[in-house]
Amino acid sequence: MIPMHVGVILDGNRRFAKELMKKPWEGHKLGVIKAREVLEWACELGVKYFTAYVLSLENLSTRPRKELKLILKYLESEADEMIQDAGHAVHRFRINVRFIGRLNILPETLQKKLSAVEGATKNYKNHFLNIAVAYGGQQEIVDATKKIVKKCLDGVLNPASLDEKIMKENLYTNGQPFPDLIIRSGGEKRISNFMTFQSAYSELVFLDKKWPALTKADFLSAIKEFESRKRRFGR
């Protein structure tokens, strides 16, 4: 069975560039191109929901200034493509795009572009794409908790009624199923603060290939690996 929701951790851009003796940001540029390809492969397979971990909250403070500036520039350019190019995958496959994370700390011009993409794709229902930017799974839980506490203080929620369902409804991914499969490229075997609450029973597949080097065969192999597993959900 094809997973309904696939999450991907796009790891290995910088190391891929280093192997080619290129600058780190050139690896990120190649990573954007690969992300578009993988999104198309997922849609062709019938994956309904797709979440891409593009930029962590920690990256905003740990990446060198020039590298971060260019990463944000590439993101802004991709947003422009989504808005202006009718042939872009989001329009061809009718993909509803949502950006998740602490977007308010991003440059204001970029925030406006991301909002424009969401507006341009809001009526699409064939597929759903979450792009995690300035994102952290633990921070998502904190932000959800703040919303819940406010609702309790306002009398909208009874604290005694709090459960997993209410937490789910206050996450960035509200209204969407949790990921069935999470794929990480680059050889590391951890989820690095990605969808911390939602990934409790996700199947994990780790690929040694760095993100820009990923092939369609690699992606299909990860899907096949998922299909071969028997999911028990803790039972």
C-alpha atoms as a PDB file:
ATOM      1  CA  MET A   1       0.000   0.000   0.000  1.00  0.00           C
ATOM      2  CA  ILE A   2       1.300   3.449  -0.936  1.00  0.00           C
ATOM      3  CA  PRO A   3       1.768   5.639   2.178  1.00  0.00           C
ATOM      4  CA  MET A   4      -0.796   8.416   2.442  1.00  0.00           C
ATOM      5  CA  HIS A   5       1.657  10.824   4.060  1.00  0.00           C
ATOM      6  CA  VAL A   6       5.410  10.858   3.409  1.00  0.00           C
ATOM      7  CA  GLY A   7       7.826  13.097   5.295  1.00  0.00           C
ATOM      8  CA  VAL A   8      11.337  13.728   3.987  1.00  0.00           C
ATOM      9  CA  ILE A   9      14.416  15.098   5.735  1.00  0.00           C
ATOM     10  CA  LEU A  10      16.502  16.702   2.979  1.00  0.00           C
ATOM     11  CA  ASP A  11      19.974  15.998   4.326  1.00  0.00           C
ATOM     12  CA  GLY A  12      23.349  16.056   2.601  1.00  0.00           C
ATOM     13  CA  ASN A  13      23.302  19.172   0.414  1.00  0.00           C
ATOM     14  CA  ARG A  14      26.471  20.690   1.909  1.00  0.00           C
ATOM     15  CA  ARG A  15      28.427  17.424   1.916  1.00  0.00           C
ATOM     16  CA  PHE A  16      27.383  16.729  -1.668  1.00  0.00           C
ATOM     17  CA  ALA A  17      28.717  20.144  -2.711  1.00  0.00           C
ATOM     18  CA  LYS A  18      31.952  19.525  -0.828  1.00  0.00           C
ATOM     19  CA  GLU A  19      32.492  16.253  -2.691  1.00  0.00           C
ATOM     20  CA  LEU A  20      32.175  18.187  -5.949  1.00  0.00           C
ATOM     21  CA  MET A  21      34.500  20.905  -4.594  1.00  0.00           C
ATOM     22  CA  LYS A  22      31.690  23.443  -4.790  1.00  0.00           C
ATOM     23  CA  LYS A  23      30.451  26.024  -2.290  1.00  0.00           C
ATOM     24  CA  PRO A  24      27.829  24.872   0.280  1.00  0.00           C
ATOM     25  CA  TRP A  25      25.111  27.060  -1.217  1.00  0.00           C
ATOM     26  CA  GLU A  26      25.571  25.384  -4.592  1.00  0.00           C
ATOM     27  CA  GLY A  27      24.588  22.139  -2.881  1.00  0.00           C
ATOM     28  CA  HIS A  28      21.463  23.810  -1.511  1.00  0.00           C
ATOM     29  CA  LYS A  29      20.537  25.020  -4.994  1.00  0.00           C
ATOM     30  CA  LEU A  30      20.819  21.464  -6.304  1.00  0.00           C
ATOM     31  CA  GLY A  31      18.760  20.366  -3.305  1.00  0.00           C
ATOM     32  CA  VAL A  32      15.877  22.624  -4.343  1.00  0.00           C
ATOM     33  CA  ILE A  33      15.881  21.111  -7.827  1.00  0.00           C
ATOM     34  CA  LYS A  34      15.886  17.601  -6.355  1.00  0.00           C
ATOM     35  CA  ALA A  35      13.025  18.475  -3.986  1.00  0.00           C
ATOM     36  CA  ARG A  36      10.860  19.399  -6.943  1.00  0.00           C
ATOM     37  CA  GLU A  37      11.687  16.088  -8.651  1.00  0.00           C
ATOM     38  CA  VAL A  38      10.915  14.028  -5.551  1.00  0.00           C
ATOM     39  CA  LEU A  39       7.622  15.859  -5.079  1.00  0.00           C
ATOM     40  CA  GLU A  40       6.650  14.910  -8.630  1.00  0.00           C
ATOM     41  CA  TRP A  41       7.606  11.269  -8.047  1.00  0.00           C
ATOM     42  CA  ALA A  42       5.461  11.203  -4.911  1.00  0.00           C
ATOM     43  CA  CYS A  43       2.455  12.691  -6.697  1.00  0.00           C
ATOM     44  CA  GLU A  44       2.825  10.261  -9.592  1.00  0.00           C
ATOM     45  CA  LEU A  45       2.713   7.389  -7.095  1.00  0.00           C
ATOM     46  CA  GLY A  46      -0.436   8.744  -5.477  1.00  0.00           C
ATOM     47  CA  VAL A  47       1.019  10.073  -2.216  1.00  0.00           C
ATOM     48  CA  LYS A  48      -1.612  12.466  -0.881  1.00  0.00           C
ATOM     49  CA  TYR A  49       0.385  14.357   1.766  1.00  0.00           C
ATOM     50  CA  PHE A  50       4.078  15.260   1.574  1.00  0.00           C
ATOM     51  CA  THR A  51       6.117  17.138   4.181  1.00  0.00           C
ATOM     52  CA  ALA A  52       9.618  18.391   3.376  1.00  0.00           C
ATOM     53  CA  TYR A  53      11.988  19.451   6.159  1.00  0.00           C
ATOM     54  CA  VAL A  54      13.817  22.285   4.407  1.00  0.00           C
ATOM     55  CA  LEU A  55      15.288  24.501   7.132  1.00  0.00           C
ATOM     56  CA  SER A  56      15.406  23.861  10.865  1.00  0.00           C
ATOM     57  CA  LEU A  57      14.993  26.552  13.478  1.00  0.00           C
ATOM     58  CA  GLU A  58      18.544  25.823  14.647  1.00  0.00           C
ATOM     59  CA  ASN A  59      19.890  26.369  11.116  1.00  0.00           C
ATOM     60  CA  LEU A  60      18.867  30.021  11.318  1.00  0.00           C
ATOM     61  CA  SER A  61      21.446  30.613  14.025  1.00  0.00           C
ATOM     62  CA  THR A  62      24.130  28.028  13.165  1.00  0.00           C
ATOM     63  CA  ARG A  63      24.545  28.402   9.397  1.00  0.00           C
ATOM     64  CA  PRO A  64      27.178  30.919   8.167  1.00  0.00           C
ATOM     65  CA  ARG A  65      25.542  34.226   7.280  1.00  0.00           C
ATOM     66  CA  LYS A  66      26.251  34.056   3.538  1.00  0.00           C
ATOM     67  CA  GLU A  67      25.058  30.459   3.277  1.00  0.00           C
ATOM     68  CA  LEU A  68      21.830  31.220   5.149  1.00  0.00           C
ATOM     69  CA  LYS A  69      21.198  34.297   3.006  1.00  0.00           C
ATOM     70  CA  LEU A  70      21.456  32.215  -0.160  1.00  0.00           C
ATOM     71  CA  ILE A  71      19.285  29.407   1.247  1.00  0.00           C
ATOM     72  CA  LEU A  72      16.552  31.969   1.909  1.00  0.00           C
ATOM     73  CA  LYS A  73      17.115  33.455  -1.549  1.00  0.00           C
ATOM     74  CA  TYR A  74      16.626  30.025  -3.161  1.00  0.00           C
ATOM     75  CA  LEU A  75      13.455  29.534  -1.121  1.00  0.00           C
ATOM     76  CA  GLU A  76      12.167  32.915  -2.249  1.00  0.00           C
ATOM     77  CA  SER A  77      12.984  32.105  -5.887  1.00  0.00           C
ATOM     78  CA  GLU A  78      11.137  28.793  -5.627  1.00  0.00           C
ATOM     79  CA  ALA A  79       8.153  30.633  -4.125  1.00  0.00           C
ATOM     80  CA  ASP A  80       8.206  33.000  -7.116  1.00  0.00           C
ATOM     81  CA  GLU A  81       8.209  29.979  -9.455  1.00  0.00           C
ATOM     82  CA  MET A  82       5.214  28.518  -7.642  1.00  0.00           C
ATOM     83  CA  ILE A  83       3.341  31.790  -8.007  1.00  0.00           C
ATOM     84  CA  GLN A  84       4.265  32.696 -11.584  1.00  0.00           C
ATOM     85  CA  ASP A  85       4.883  29.432 -13.452  1.00  0.00           C
ATOM     86  CA  ALA A  86       1.671  27.643 -14.432  1.00  0.00           C
ATOM     87  CA  GLY A  87       3.805  24.640 -15.371  1.00  0.00           C
ATOM     88  CA  HIS A  88       5.226  24.237 -11.875  1.00  0.00           C
ATOM     89  CA  ALA A  89       4.470  20.906 -10.176  1.00  0.00           C
ATOM     90  CA  VAL A  90       2.188  22.532  -7.606  1.00  0.00           C
ATOM     91  CA  HIS A  91      -0.154  23.629 -10.399  1.00  0.00           C
ATOM     92  CA  ARG A  92       0.190  20.595 -12.666  1.00  0.00           C
ATOM     93  CA  PHE A  93      -0.612  18.222  -9.804  1.00  0.00           C
ATOM     94  CA  ARG A  94      -2.931  20.701  -8.037  1.00  0.00           C
ATOM     95  CA  ILE A  95      -0.992  20.672  -4.779  1.00  0.00           C
ATOM     96  CA  ASN A  96      -2.199  22.667  -1.789  1.00  0.00           C
ATOM     97  CA  VAL A  97       0.945  24.206  -0.237  1.00  0.00           C
ATOM     98  CA  ARG A  98       1.352  25.064   3.433  1.00  0.00           C
ATOM     99  CA  PHE A  99       4.495  26.476   5.070  1.00  0.00           C
ATOM    100  CA  ILE A 100       4.991  25.352   8.667  1.00  0.00           C
ATOM    101  CA  GLY A 101       7.345  26.619  11.348  1.00  0.00           C
ATOM    102  CA  ARG A 102       8.013  29.901  13.106  1.00  0.00           C
ATOM    103  CA  LEU A 103       7.609  31.849   9.901  1.00  0.00           C
ATOM    104  CA  ASN A 104       7.333  35.153  11.759  1.00  0.00           C
ATOM    105  CA  ILE A 105      11.110  35.220  12.283  1.00  0.00           C
ATOM    106  CA  LEU A 106      11.830  35.032   8.555  1.00  0.00           C
ATOM    107  CA  PRO A 107      12.455  38.205   6.507  1.00  0.00           C
ATOM    108  CA  GLU A 108       9.183  40.042   5.900  1.00  0.00           C
ATOM    109  CA  THR A 109       9.509  39.944   2.107  1.00  0.00           C
ATOM    110  CA  LEU A 110       9.921  36.158   2.240  1.00  0.00           C
ATOM    111  CA  GLN A 111       6.935  35.812   4.559  1.00  0.00           C
ATOM    112  CA  LYS A 112       4.790  37.639   2.014  1.00  0.00           C
ATOM    113  CA  LYS A 113       5.979  35.368  -0.805  1.00  0.00           C
ATOM    114  CA  LEU A 114       5.208  32.239   1.202  1.00  0.00           C
ATOM    115  CA  SER A 115       1.754  33.574   2.040  1.00  0.00           C
ATOM    116  CA  ALA A 116       1.179  34.316  -1.649  1.00  0.00           C
ATOM    117  CA  VAL A 117       2.023  30.708  -2.540  1.00  0.00           C
ATOM    118  CA  GLU A 118      -0.488  29.455   0.005  1.00  0.00           C
ATOM    119  CA  GLY A 119      -3.106  31.801  -1.450  1.00  0.00           C
ATOM    120  CA  ALA A 120      -2.381  30.701  -5.017  1.00  0.00           C
ATOM    121  CA  THR A 121      -2.792  27.015  -4.160  1.00  0.00           C
ATOM    122  CA  LYS A 122      -5.481  27.148  -1.470  1.00  0.00           C
ATOM    123  CA  ASN A 123      -8.196  25.675  -3.695  1.00  0.00           C
ATOM    124  CA  TYR A 124      -6.146  22.662  -4.797  1.00  0.00           C
ATOM    125  CA  LYS A 125      -7.195  19.380  -3.202  1.00  0.00           C
ATOM    126  CA  ASN A 126      -5.413  16.622  -5.153  1.00  0.00           C
ATOM    127  CA  HIS A 127      -2.295  16.672  -2.982  1.00  0.00           C
ATOM    128  CA  PHE A 128      -1.040  18.552   0.082  1.00  0.00           C
ATOM    129  CA  LEU A 129       2.509  19.787   0.598  1.00  0.00           C
ATOM    130  CA  ASN A 130       3.948  21.048   3.884  1.00  0.00           C
ATOM    131  CA  ILE A 131       7.268  22.876   3.628  1.00  0.00           C
ATOM    132  CA  ALA A 132       8.922  23.056   7.041  1.00  0.00           C
ATOM    133  CA  VAL A 133      10.951  26.269   7.342  1.00  0.00           C
ATOM    134  CA  ALA A 134      12.348  27.741  10.576  1.00  0.00           C
ATOM    135  CA  TYR A 135      10.861  24.554  11.953  1.00  0.00           C
ATOM    136  CA  GLY A 136      11.445  22.382  14.996  1.00  0.00           C
ATOM    137  CA  GLY A 137       9.251  19.548  16.215  1.00  0.00           C
ATOM    138  CA  GLN A 138       9.711  20.353  19.897  1.00  0.00           C
ATOM    139  CA  GLN A 139       8.994  24.013  19.204  1.00  0.00           C
ATOM    140  CA  GLU A 140       5.836  22.991  17.332  1.00  0.00           C
ATOM    141  CA  ILE A 141       4.637  21.216  20.480  1.00  0.00           C
ATOM    142  CA  VAL A 142       5.451  24.315  22.551  1.00  0.00           C
ATOM    143  CA  ASP A 143       3.508  26.540  20.130  1.00  0.00           C
ATOM    144  CA  ALA A 144       0.551  24.138  20.207  1.00  0.00           C
ATOM    145  CA  THR A 145       0.635  24.109  24.004  1.00  0.00           C
ATOM    146  CA  LYS A 146       0.560  27.909  24.100  1.00  0.00           C
ATOM    147  CA  LYS A 147      -2.562  27.923  21.916  1.00  0.00           C
ATOM    148  CA  ILE A 148      -4.208  25.308  24.139  1.00  0.00           C
ATOM    149  CA  VAL A 149      -3.355  27.229  27.333  1.00  0.00           C
ATOM    150  CA  LYS A 150      -4.860  30.396  25.864  1.00  0.00           C
ATOM    151  CA  LYS A 151      -8.053  28.537  24.983  1.00  0.00           C
ATOM    152  CA  CYS A 152      -8.222  27.212  28.539  1.00  0.00           C
ATOM    153  CA  LEU A 153      -7.705  30.686  30.005  1.00  0.00           C
ATOM    154  CA  ASP A 154     -10.375  32.088  27.675  1.00  0.00           C
ATOM    155  CA  GLY A 155     -12.804  29.388  28.798  1.00  0.00           C
ATOM    156  CA  VAL A 156     -12.995  27.805  25.372  1.00  0.00           C
ATOM    157  CA  LEU A 157     -11.415  24.546  26.598  1.00  0.00           C
ATOM    158  CA  ASN A 158     -11.736  22.640  29.854  1.00  0.00           C
ATOM    159  CA  PRO A 159      -8.247  21.564  30.989  1.00  0.00           C
ATOM    160  CA  ALA A 160      -9.695  18.229  32.109  1.00  0.00           C
ATOM    161  CA  SER A 161     -10.657  17.475  28.494  1.00  0.00           C
ATOM    162  CA  LEU A 162      -7.130  17.755  27.116  1.00  0.00           C
ATOM    163  CA  ASP A 163      -5.988  14.706  25.174  1.00  0.00           C
ATOM    164  CA  GLU A 164      -3.939  13.693  22.130  1.00  0.00           C
ATOM    165  CA  LYS A 165      -6.731  14.724  19.760  1.00  0.00           C
ATOM    166  CA  ILE A 166      -6.732  18.301  21.052  1.00  0.00           C
ATOM    167  CA  MET A 167      -2.947  18.465  20.781  1.00  0.00           C
ATOM    168  CA  LYS A 168      -3.168  17.203  17.178  1.00  0.00           C
ATOM    169  CA  GLU A 169      -5.721  19.901  16.341  1.00  0.00           C
ATOM    170  CA  ASN A 170      -3.327  22.635  17.489  1.00  0.00           C
ATOM    171  CA  LEU A 171      -0.221  21.478  15.633  1.00  0.00           C
ATOM    172  CA  TYR A 172       0.953  23.171  12.435  1.00  0.00           C
ATOM    173  CA  THR A 173      -0.319  20.122  10.513  1.00  0.00           C
ATOM    174  CA  ASN A 174      -3.862  20.333  11.884  1.00  0.00           C
ATOM    175  CA  GLY A 175      -6.344  18.519   9.650  1.00  0.00           C
ATOM    176  CA  GLN A 176      -3.785  16.161   8.164  1.00  0.00           C
ATOM    177  CA  PRO A 177      -2.922  12.546   8.965  1.00  0.00           C
ATOM    178  CA  PHE A 178       0.354  11.780  10.693  1.00  0.00           C
ATOM    179  CA  PRO A 179       3.186  10.631   8.391  1.00  0.00           C
ATOM    180  CA  ASP A 180       3.152   6.932   7.557  1.00  0.00           C
ATOM    181  CA  LEU A 181       6.723   7.064   6.311  1.00  0.00           C
ATOM    182  CA  ILE A 182       9.671   9.355   7.005  1.00  0.00           C
ATOM    183  CA  ILE A 183      12.653   9.185   4.662  1.00  0.00           C
ATOM    184  CA  ARG A 184      16.009  10.709   5.558  1.00  0.00           C
ATOM    185  CA  SER A 185      18.830  11.025   3.050  1.00  0.00           C
ATOM    186  CA  GLY A 186      22.499  11.664   3.794  1.00  0.00           C
ATOM    187  CA  GLY A 187      23.388   8.637   5.889  1.00  0.00           C
ATOM    188  CA  GLU A 188      22.432   9.948   9.342  1.00  0.00           C
ATOM    189  CA  LYS A 189      20.022   7.785  11.362  1.00  0.00           C
ATOM    190  CA  ARG A 190      17.947  10.186  13.426  1.00  0.00           C
ATOM    191  CA  ILE A 191      14.895  12.401  12.851  1.00  0.00           C
ATOM    192  CA  SER A 192      16.531  15.618  14.123  1.00  0.00           C
ATOM    193  CA  ASN A 193      13.495  17.267  15.711  1.00  0.00           C
ATOM    194  CA  PHE A 194      11.220  16.596  12.719  1.00  0.00           C
ATOM    195  CA  MET A 195       7.503  16.085  13.410  1.00  0.00           C
ATOM    196  CA  THR A 196       8.288  14.990  16.964  1.00  0.00           C
ATOM    197  CA  PHE A 197       4.653  14.450  17.995  1.00  0.00           C
ATOM    198  CA  GLN A 198       3.386  13.190  14.645  1.00  0.00           C
ATOM    199  CA  SER A 199       6.128  10.614  14.041  1.00  0.00           C
ATOM    200  CA  ALA A 200       5.382   8.385  17.049  1.00  0.00           C
ATOM    201  CA  TYR A 201       4.415   5.444  14.822  1.00  0.00           C
ATOM    202  CA  SER A 202       5.927   6.472  11.508  1.00  0.00           C
ATOM    203  CA  GLU A 203       8.040   3.969   9.621  1.00  0.00           C
ATOM    204  CA  LEU A 204      11.593   5.279   9.177  1.00  0.00           C
ATOM    205  CA  VAL A 205      13.822   4.681   6.155  1.00  0.00           C
ATOM    206  CA  PHE A 206      17.383   6.012   6.115  1.00  0.00           C
ATOM    207  CA  LEU A 207      19.217   6.387   2.823  1.00  0.00           C
ATOM    208  CA  ASP A 208      22.987   6.709   2.503  1.00  0.00           C
ATOM    209  CA  LYS A 209      22.767   8.890  -0.591  1.00  0.00           C
ATOM    210  CA  LYS A 210      22.996  12.622  -0.097  1.00  0.00           C
ATOM    211  CA  TRP A 211      19.840  14.504  -1.041  1.00  0.00           C
ATOM    212  CA  PRO A 212      20.908  15.985  -4.429  1.00  0.00           C
ATOM    213  CA  ALA A 213      22.131  12.537  -5.545  1.00  0.00           C
ATOM    214  CA  LEU A 214      18.820  10.798  -4.819  1.00  0.00           C
ATOM    215  CA  THR A 215      17.369   8.917  -7.786  1.00  0.00           C
ATOM    216  CA  LYS A 216      13.847   7.830  -8.566  1.00  0.00           C
ATOM    217  CA  ALA A 217      14.984   4.243  -7.974  1.00  0.00           C
ATOM    218  CA  ASP A 218      16.145   5.239  -4.465  1.00  0.00           C
ATOM    219  CA  PHE A 219      12.784   6.838  -3.717  1.00  0.00           C
ATOM    220  CA  LEU A 220      10.828   3.864  -5.050  1.00  0.00           C
ATOM    221  CA  SER A 221      13.043   1.543  -3.003  1.00  0.00           C
ATOM    222  CA  ALA A 222      12.093   3.463   0.164  1.00  0.00           C
ATOM    223  CA  ILE A 223       8.409   3.147  -0.728  1.00  0.00           C
ATOM    224  CA  LYS A 224       8.859  -0.580  -1.379  1.00  0.00           C
ATOM    225  CA  GLU A 225      10.577  -0.952   1.988  1.00  0.00           C
ATOM    226  CA  PHE A 226       7.572   0.710   3.630  1.00  0.00           C
ATOM    227  CA  GLU A 227       5.160  -1.595   1.828  1.00  0.00           C
ATOM    228  CA  SER A 228       7.057  -4.658   3.081  1.00  0.00           C
ATOM    229  CA  ARG A 229       6.682  -3.723   6.735  1.00  0.00           C
ATOM    230  CA  LYS A 230       3.843  -4.773   9.006  1.00  0.00           C
ATOM    231  CA  ARG A 231       2.680  -1.791  11.030  1.00  0.00           C
ATOM    232  CA  ARG A 232       1.508  -2.493  14.568  1.00  0.00           C
ATOM    233  CA  PHE A 233       1.051   1.027  15.999  1.00  0.00           C
ATOM    234  CA  GLY A 234       2.341  -0.109  19.395  1.00  0.00           C
ATOM    235  CA  ARG A 235       0.038  -3.114  19.610  1.00  0.00           C
END
